[in-house]
Protein backbone atom coordinates (compact mmCIF):
# COMPACT_ATOMS: atom_id res chain seq x y z
CA MET A 1 151.86 189.73 111.80
CA LYS A 2 151.21 193.02 112.59
CA LYS A 3 149.59 194.11 108.90
CA CYS A 4 147.28 190.72 109.48
CA HIS A 5 145.72 192.10 113.11
CA ALA A 6 145.62 195.84 111.71
CA ARG A 7 143.52 194.58 108.89
CA THR A 8 141.58 191.87 111.00
CA PHE A 9 140.60 194.84 113.42
CA CYS A 10 139.74 197.57 110.73
CA LEU A 11 137.25 194.61 109.13
CA ALA A 12 135.58 194.20 112.44
CA VAL A 13 135.13 197.56 113.15
CA ALA A 14 133.47 198.41 109.84
CA LEU A 15 131.00 195.00 110.15
CA LEU A 16 130.16 196.73 113.67
CA ALA A 17 129.53 199.82 112.45
CA ALA A 18 127.24 198.46 109.67
CA ILE A 19 125.36 196.75 112.09
CA ALA A 20 124.70 199.47 114.12
CA PHE A 21 123.62 201.74 111.82
CA CYS A 22 121.68 199.22 109.45
CA PRO A 23 117.79 200.24 109.26
CA SER A 24 117.28 197.05 109.21
CA ALA A 25 118.91 195.95 112.55
CA ALA A 26 116.15 198.84 114.00
CA LEU A 27 112.69 197.81 115.88
CA ALA A 28 110.00 199.89 114.00
CA GLY A 29 107.56 200.19 116.71
CA THR A 30 106.25 199.60 119.96
CA ILE A 31 102.89 198.24 121.13
CA THR A 32 101.39 199.09 124.06
CA ILE A 33 98.61 198.05 126.62
CA GLU A 34 97.36 201.34 128.35
CA VAL A 35 95.10 200.73 131.46
CA PRO A 36 92.69 203.16 133.44
CA ALA A 37 95.00 205.18 136.12
CA GLY A 38 92.09 205.42 138.77
CA PRO A 39 90.73 202.14 140.63
CA VAL A 40 88.63 199.49 139.13
CA THR A 41 86.04 197.98 141.56
CA VAL A 42 84.30 194.62 141.07
CA GLY A 43 81.16 195.25 138.55
CA SER A 44 82.81 197.82 136.75
CA PHE A 45 83.13 198.54 132.99
CA PHE A 46 86.42 199.94 132.15
CA ASP A 47 88.53 200.78 129.00
CA VAL A 48 92.03 199.70 127.73
CA PHE A 49 93.43 200.80 124.72
CA VAL A 50 95.99 199.02 122.54
CA GLU A 51 98.24 202.21 121.55
CA ILE A 52 101.42 201.95 118.67
CA ALA A 53 104.05 204.58 119.52
CA ASP A 54 107.07 205.34 116.54
CA VAL A 55 106.52 202.74 113.70
CA THR A 56 106.68 203.68 109.96
CA ASP A 57 104.57 202.60 106.97
CA LEU A 58 102.08 200.59 108.87
CA TYR A 59 99.13 199.53 106.48
CA ALA A 60 97.70 196.65 108.88
CA PHE A 61 97.86 195.10 111.79
CA GLU A 62 96.30 191.82 113.74
CA PHE A 63 96.91 190.51 116.90
CA ASP A 64 95.17 188.33 119.91
CA LEU A 65 94.59 189.18 123.61
CA GLY A 66 94.62 187.57 126.58
CA PHE A 67 93.01 188.29 129.84
CA ASP A 68 92.03 186.52 133.38
CA PRO A 69 88.38 185.23 132.72
CA LEU A 70 87.66 184.32 136.30
CA ILE A 71 88.84 188.25 136.83
CA LEU A 72 87.56 189.90 133.73
CA ARG A 73 84.98 189.71 130.93
CA ALA A 74 85.63 190.98 127.58
CA ASP A 75 82.54 193.45 126.44
CA SER A 76 83.41 194.85 122.81
CA VAL A 77 86.44 196.05 120.50
CA THR A 78 86.36 199.34 118.96
CA GLU A 79 88.50 200.18 115.89
CA GLY A 80 90.92 203.03 116.92
CA SER A 81 91.70 206.38 115.24
CA PHE A 82 95.36 205.67 113.91
CA LEU A 83 94.59 203.75 111.08
CA ALA A 84 91.00 205.07 110.06
CA GLY A 85 92.07 208.62 110.78
CA SER A 86 93.83 207.77 107.35
CA GLY A 87 91.79 206.40 105.02
CA THR A 88 89.18 203.74 105.01
CA THR A 89 89.89 200.83 106.60
CA SER A 90 88.20 197.26 107.15
CA PHE A 91 87.93 196.53 110.65
CA ILE A 92 87.83 192.90 112.22
CA SER A 93 86.82 193.44 116.05
CA GLY A 94 87.92 189.63 116.37
CA THR A 95 86.34 187.02 118.57
CA ILE A 96 85.88 187.17 122.09
CA ASP A 97 85.96 183.78 124.07
CA ASN A 98 84.92 185.08 127.92
CA SER A 99 85.58 181.36 129.22
CA GLY A 100 88.66 180.81 127.83
CA GLY A 101 90.06 184.68 128.25
CA SER A 102 90.95 185.55 125.15
CA ILE A 103 89.87 187.94 122.30
CA THR A 104 91.69 186.37 118.88
CA TYR A 105 92.24 188.09 115.42
CA ILE A 106 91.72 191.65 116.48
CA ALA A 107 92.52 193.05 112.77
CA ASN A 108 92.70 196.41 110.62
CA SER A 109 93.93 197.02 107.15
CA LEU A 110 94.16 200.27 105.14
CA THR A 111 91.90 199.51 101.79
CA GLY A 112 93.50 200.51 98.25
CA SER A 113 96.73 201.80 97.69
CA GLY A 114 98.85 203.87 99.10
CA PRO A 115 101.53 204.60 101.60
CA GLY A 116 100.85 203.23 105.05
CA VAL A 117 100.54 205.58 109.07
CA THR A 118 103.45 206.75 110.18
CA GLY A 119 103.73 208.00 114.02
CA ASP A 120 102.00 207.08 117.33
CA GLY A 121 98.19 206.38 118.45
CA SER A 122 95.61 204.11 119.17
CA LEU A 123 95.20 200.98 117.58
CA VAL A 124 92.00 199.54 119.06
CA GLY A 125 89.67 200.02 122.55
CA ILE A 126 88.29 196.96 124.49
CA ARG A 127 85.65 197.31 126.87
CA LEU A 128 86.07 195.05 130.03
CA GLN A 129 84.49 194.49 133.19
CA ALA A 130 85.44 193.67 136.42
CA LEU A 131 84.21 189.96 137.39
CA ALA A 132 86.04 189.88 140.69
CA ALA A 133 88.63 191.34 143.07
CA GLY A 134 92.45 190.18 142.06
CA PRO A 135 95.39 190.78 139.59
CA SER A 136 94.59 189.96 135.79
CA SER A 137 97.44 190.36 133.14
CA LEU A 138 96.42 191.69 129.71
CA THR A 139 98.92 190.04 127.30
CA LEU A 140 99.51 190.51 123.49
CA SER A 141 100.01 187.76 120.85
CA GLU A 142 100.48 186.41 117.29
CA VAL A 143 101.21 190.06 116.65
CA ILE A 144 101.66 190.85 112.86
CA LEU A 145 102.54 194.62 111.69
CA LEU A 146 102.98 195.06 107.86
CA ASP A 147 103.70 197.71 105.93
CA SER A 148 101.92 198.92 102.35
CA ASP A 149 104.32 196.62 100.38
CA LEU A 150 102.71 194.21 102.84
CA SER A 151 106.24 193.24 104.69
CA ASP A 152 106.44 192.31 108.04
CA ILE A 153 107.23 195.47 110.43
CA GLY A 154 109.63 194.64 112.91
CA PHE A 155 108.06 195.79 116.98
CA THR A 156 108.32 195.11 120.26
CA THR A 157 105.22 194.56 123.02
CA ARG A 158 104.98 195.65 126.63
CA ASP A 159 102.05 194.09 127.85
CA GLY A 160 99.69 195.27 130.91
CA SER A 161 98.03 193.88 133.71
CA ILE A 162 95.19 195.28 135.92
CA THR A 163 94.23 194.91 139.58
CA VAL A 164 90.60 195.01 140.79
CA ALA A 165 89.73 195.99 143.65
CA GLY A 166 86.97 194.27 146.13
CA ASN A 167 83.45 196.70 146.12
CA ALA A 168 83.38 199.41 148.97
CA VAL A 169 80.84 198.63 151.50
CA PRO A 170 78.28 201.39 150.86
CA GLU A 171 77.21 203.85 153.59
CA PRO A 172 73.26 203.23 154.54
CA CYS A 173 70.90 205.89 153.09
CA THR A 174 70.04 208.92 155.03
CA MET A 175 66.39 208.34 154.80
CA VAL A 176 66.88 204.43 156.53
CA LEU A 177 68.92 206.10 159.17
CA LEU A 178 66.21 208.66 159.87
CA CYS A 179 63.36 205.83 159.96
CA SER A 180 65.61 203.63 161.97
CA GLY A 181 65.97 206.99 164.53
CA LEU A 182 62.54 207.72 164.71
CA ILE A 183 61.29 204.13 165.09
CA GLY A 184 64.02 203.94 168.16
CA MET A 185 62.78 206.80 169.79
CA ALA A 186 59.03 205.61 169.35
CA SER A 187 59.89 202.62 171.17
CA ILE A 188 61.34 204.54 173.78
CA ARG A 189 58.50 207.09 174.47
CA ARG A 190 56.60 203.65 174.77
CA LYS A 191 58.25 202.44 177.53
């Protein structure tokens, strides 16, 4: 009976070790939405970046981005330097739907044969405009990463969020203050 338990134990340890050290069990990349560090106010334009880290052999990607259309308006999507810095690409900036709060089918691919790109970098930049004060989440969905064999690459995502502050009350112009003071002095002098 003791021999049977020892064999079962050894088999279980070997199986756990194989799972723990198997390369296919590890996730291959992290996609993050990077938002501005400083404050964003109503009416301002600002950029967010979709970044990738720790990826191996990335040849193509596709994803959608969601946002609150009452708080934000999407203006444009531009190609990041991660794939573009490694060769000729076929970039699709996606379809902006400001009523529904989404940008769908943002995609990019290297062209021709050859390896994909390994490392960290920027996939896309997205120009947004703040429409109203309040919070908006920025969410990734329908994410696909492919390697140079057009096989799926594992990944994790980290969505972002932004809080838009209301406009600060502008200070009156110095000339308006000067004119008001002169008019006030002229009225006092008349009396």
